[in-house]
């Protein structure tokens, strides 16, 4: 990935893809729906669903270079 972290993955990811990410600080985010990636800022936008009420969701913005791992599905 040429030292670009997960940026190349997000640049090619289809909106609506369900993922779970782990950040370098150890936070688990997801399962969440991928919304968009801005390559100029490195910001990833996800829509995380509530485990209590599936109709409730939270928009999450995070930096692609602060992600440690991505799980698909």
Protein backbone atom coordinates (compact mmCIF):
# COMPACT_ATOMS: atom_id res chain seq x y z
CA UNK A 1 0.00 0.00 0.00
CA UNK A 2 3.00 2.28 -0.31
CA UNK A 3 2.90 3.54 3.30
CA UNK A 4 -0.61 4.92 2.81
CA UNK A 5 -2.18 2.79 5.49
CA UNK A 6 -5.76 1.92 4.66
CA UNK A 7 -6.31 4.91 2.36
CA UNK A 8 -6.01 2.75 -0.77
CA UNK A 9 -8.55 0.31 0.67
CA UNK A 10 -11.05 3.08 1.38
CA UNK A 11 -10.50 4.74 -2.00
CA UNK A 12 -11.67 1.52 -3.67
CA UNK A 13 -14.41 0.57 -1.18
CA UNK A 14 -18.02 0.65 -2.34
CA UNK A 15 -20.42 2.78 -0.30
CA UNK A 16 -22.67 0.54 1.76
CA UNK A 17 -19.94 -2.00 2.55
CA UNK A 18 -20.33 -3.29 6.12
CA UNK A 19 -17.07 -3.18 8.11
CA UNK A 20 -15.75 -3.18 11.65
CA UNK A 21 -12.59 -1.20 12.38
CA UNK A 22 -10.15 -1.22 15.26
CA UNK A 23 -8.27 2.02 15.88
CA UNK A 24 -4.73 2.33 17.21
CA UNK A 25 -6.24 3.40 20.54
CA UNK A 26 -8.06 0.05 20.72
CA UNK A 27 -11.58 1.29 20.00
CA UNK A 28 -13.86 -1.05 18.05
CA UNK A 29 -16.19 0.72 15.65
CA UNK A 30 -18.89 -1.30 13.98
CA UNK A 31 -20.40 -3.11 12.47
CA UNK A 32 -20.80 0.03 10.43
CA UNK A 33 -21.72 0.97 6.90
CA UNK A 34 -19.00 2.68 4.86
CA UNK A 35 -20.31 6.01 3.55
CA UNK A 36 -17.39 7.88 2.01
CA UNK A 37 -13.66 8.56 2.05
CA UNK A 38 -12.03 11.94 1.37
CA UNK A 39 -8.49 11.31 0.08
CA UNK A 40 -7.49 14.96 0.55
CA UNK A 41 -8.13 14.85 4.30
CA UNK A 42 -7.93 11.10 4.99
CA UNK A 43 -11.34 11.22 6.69
CA UNK A 44 -13.51 8.11 6.59
CA UNK A 45 -17.24 8.48 7.19
CA UNK A 46 -19.09 5.49 8.62
CA UNK A 47 -22.65 4.97 9.82
CA UNK A 48 -22.56 2.80 12.95
CA UNK A 49 -25.73 0.96 13.92
CA UNK A 50 -27.04 0.69 17.47
CA UNK A 51 -27.01 -2.80 18.97
CA UNK A 52 -30.21 -1.97 20.86
CA UNK A 53 -32.32 -0.43 18.11
CA UNK A 54 -31.14 -1.18 14.55
CA UNK A 55 -32.99 1.87 13.19
CA UNK A 56 -30.79 4.14 15.35
CA UNK A 57 -27.41 5.01 13.89
CA UNK A 58 -24.48 7.30 14.59
CA UNK A 59 -22.23 8.95 12.02
CA UNK A 60 -18.56 8.36 12.79
CA UNK A 61 -15.65 10.30 11.26
CA UNK A 62 -12.16 8.90 11.67
CA UNK A 63 -8.73 9.23 10.11
CA UNK A 64 -7.70 6.37 7.83
CA UNK A 65 -4.11 6.49 9.12
CA UNK A 66 -5.30 5.84 12.70
CA UNK A 67 -6.94 2.51 11.82
CA UNK A 68 -5.16 -0.65 12.87
CA UNK A 69 -7.42 -3.23 11.22
CA UNK A 70 -10.56 -3.66 9.14
CA UNK A 71 -12.94 -6.62 9.27
CA UNK A 72 -15.35 -7.08 6.39
CA UNK A 73 -18.86 -8.47 6.82
